[in-house]
Amino acid sequence: MDAVTVSTKFQVVIPKAIREELRIRPGQRVQAIAYRGRIELIPLKGVRDLRGSLKGMDASDPREHEDR
């Protein structure tokens, strides 16, 4: 587990091992969320990065037949 220091400008540096594991690049946006007394940073992905992420997903709607 890596510890970081909050600067006087309230900035932190994401440790290199975490940046590499999550493939975070300079200029990439992350969403900051306060959750149960902690801060979570979630890397935001572009639409192009999400291409193919739903491959193999069952797209049938179980309610489709109920509406008829």
C-alpha atoms as a PDB file:
ATOM      1  CA  MET A   1       0.000   0.000   0.000  1.00  0.00           C
ATOM      2  CA  ASP A   2       1.376   3.387  -0.989  1.00  0.00           C
ATOM      3  CA  ALA A   3       0.845   6.530   1.074  1.00  0.00           C
ATOM      4  CA  VAL A   4       0.655   9.945  -0.556  1.00  0.00           C
ATOM      5  CA  THR A   5       1.024  13.457   0.857  1.00  0.00           C
ATOM      6  CA  VAL A   6      -1.476  16.231   0.248  1.00  0.00           C
ATOM      7  CA  SER A   7       0.327  19.387  -0.888  1.00  0.00           C
ATOM      8  CA  THR A   8      -0.485  22.918   0.284  1.00  0.00           C
ATOM      9  CA  LYS A   9      -2.558  23.192  -2.916  1.00  0.00           C
ATOM     10  CA  PHE A  10      -4.470  20.023  -1.948  1.00  0.00           C
ATOM     11  CA  GLN A  11      -2.840  18.011  -4.738  1.00  0.00           C
ATOM     12  CA  VAL A  12      -1.651  14.401  -4.578  1.00  0.00           C
ATOM     13  CA  VAL A  13       0.507  12.288  -6.861  1.00  0.00           C
ATOM     14  CA  ILE A  14      -0.853   8.879  -7.844  1.00  0.00           C
ATOM     15  CA  PRO A  15       1.949   6.371  -7.202  1.00  0.00           C
ATOM     16  CA  LYS A  16       3.661   5.018 -10.323  1.00  0.00           C
ATOM     17  CA  ALA A  17       2.717   1.390  -9.645  1.00  0.00           C
ATOM     18  CA  ILE A  18      -0.972   2.340  -9.497  1.00  0.00           C
ATOM     19  CA  ARG A  19      -0.745   4.565 -12.602  1.00  0.00           C
ATOM     20  CA  GLU A  20       0.827   1.711 -14.536  1.00  0.00           C
ATOM     21  CA  GLU A  21      -1.613  -0.918 -13.284  1.00  0.00           C
ATOM     22  CA  LEU A  22      -4.634   1.211 -14.204  1.00  0.00           C
ATOM     23  CA  ARG A  23      -2.973   2.608 -17.347  1.00  0.00           C
ATOM     24  CA  ILE A  24      -3.587   6.205 -16.269  1.00  0.00           C
ATOM     25  CA  ARG A  25      -2.002   8.661 -18.692  1.00  0.00           C
ATOM     26  CA  PRO A  26      -1.101  12.360 -18.333  1.00  0.00           C
ATOM     27  CA  GLY A  27      -4.152  14.514 -18.994  1.00  0.00           C
ATOM     28  CA  GLN A  28      -6.590  11.669 -18.369  1.00  0.00           C
ATOM     29  CA  ARG A  29      -9.556  12.606 -16.222  1.00  0.00           C
ATOM     30  CA  VAL A  30     -10.505  10.749 -13.050  1.00  0.00           C
ATOM     31  CA  GLN A  31     -13.665  11.084 -11.018  1.00  0.00           C
ATOM     32  CA  ALA A  32     -13.206  11.741  -7.295  1.00  0.00           C
ATOM     33  CA  ILE A  33     -15.872  10.351  -4.979  1.00  0.00           C
ATOM     34  CA  ALA A  34     -16.163  10.613  -1.191  1.00  0.00           C
ATOM     35  CA  TYR A  35     -17.344   7.177  -0.035  1.00  0.00           C
ATOM     36  CA  ARG A  36     -17.662   5.943   3.539  1.00  0.00           C
ATOM     37  CA  GLY A  37     -14.954   8.210   4.896  1.00  0.00           C
ATOM     38  CA  ARG A  38     -12.477   7.686   2.071  1.00  0.00           C
ATOM     39  CA  ILE A  39     -11.688   9.157  -1.343  1.00  0.00           C
ATOM     40  CA  GLU A  40     -11.988   6.980  -4.428  1.00  0.00           C
ATOM     41  CA  LEU A  41     -10.497   8.018  -7.756  1.00  0.00           C
ATOM     42  CA  ILE A  42     -12.108   6.358 -10.761  1.00  0.00           C
ATOM     43  CA  PRO A  43     -10.368   6.678 -14.140  1.00  0.00           C
ATOM     44  CA  LEU A  44     -12.791   7.943 -16.771  1.00  0.00           C
ATOM     45  CA  LYS A  45     -12.599   6.151 -20.082  1.00  0.00           C
ATOM     46  CA  GLY A  46     -13.394   7.574 -23.485  1.00  0.00           C
ATOM     47  CA  VAL A  47     -16.048   5.995 -25.683  1.00  0.00           C
ATOM     48  CA  ARG A  48     -13.369   4.531 -27.951  1.00  0.00           C
ATOM     49  CA  ASP A  49     -11.716   2.840 -24.963  1.00  0.00           C
ATOM     50  CA  LEU A  50     -15.005   1.078 -24.160  1.00  0.00           C
ATOM     51  CA  ARG A  51     -15.384  -0.431 -27.626  1.00  0.00           C
ATOM     52  CA  GLY A  52     -15.773  -4.190 -27.362  1.00  0.00           C
ATOM     53  CA  SER A  53     -16.222  -4.174 -23.578  1.00  0.00           C
ATOM     54  CA  LEU A  54     -19.752  -5.606 -23.883  1.00  0.00           C
ATOM     55  CA  LYS A  55     -18.807  -8.312 -26.382  1.00  0.00           C
ATOM     56  CA  GLY A  56     -20.619 -11.540 -25.602  1.00  0.00           C
ATOM     57  CA  MET A  57     -23.215  -9.861 -23.380  1.00  0.00           C
ATOM     58  CA  ASP A  58     -26.768 -11.206 -23.632  1.00  0.00           C
ATOM     59  CA  ALA A  59     -28.737  -8.296 -25.117  1.00  0.00           C
ATOM     60  CA  SER A  60     -32.150  -9.932 -24.850  1.00  0.00           C
ATOM     61  CA  ASP A  61     -34.602  -8.097 -22.652  1.00  0.00           C
ATOM     62  CA  PRO A  62     -36.423 -10.469 -20.272  1.00  0.00           C
ATOM     63  CA  ARG A  63     -39.348  -8.034 -20.102  1.00  0.00           C
ATOM     64  CA  GLU A  64     -39.691  -7.901 -23.884  1.00  0.00           C
ATOM     65  CA  HIS A  65     -42.292 -10.675 -24.011  1.00  0.00           C
ATOM     66  CA  GLU A  66     -44.216  -9.273 -21.005  1.00  0.00           C
ATOM     67  CA  ASP A  67     -45.083  -6.023 -22.782  1.00  0.00           C
ATOM     68  CA  ARG A  68     -47.065  -7.743 -25.525  1.00  0.00           C
END
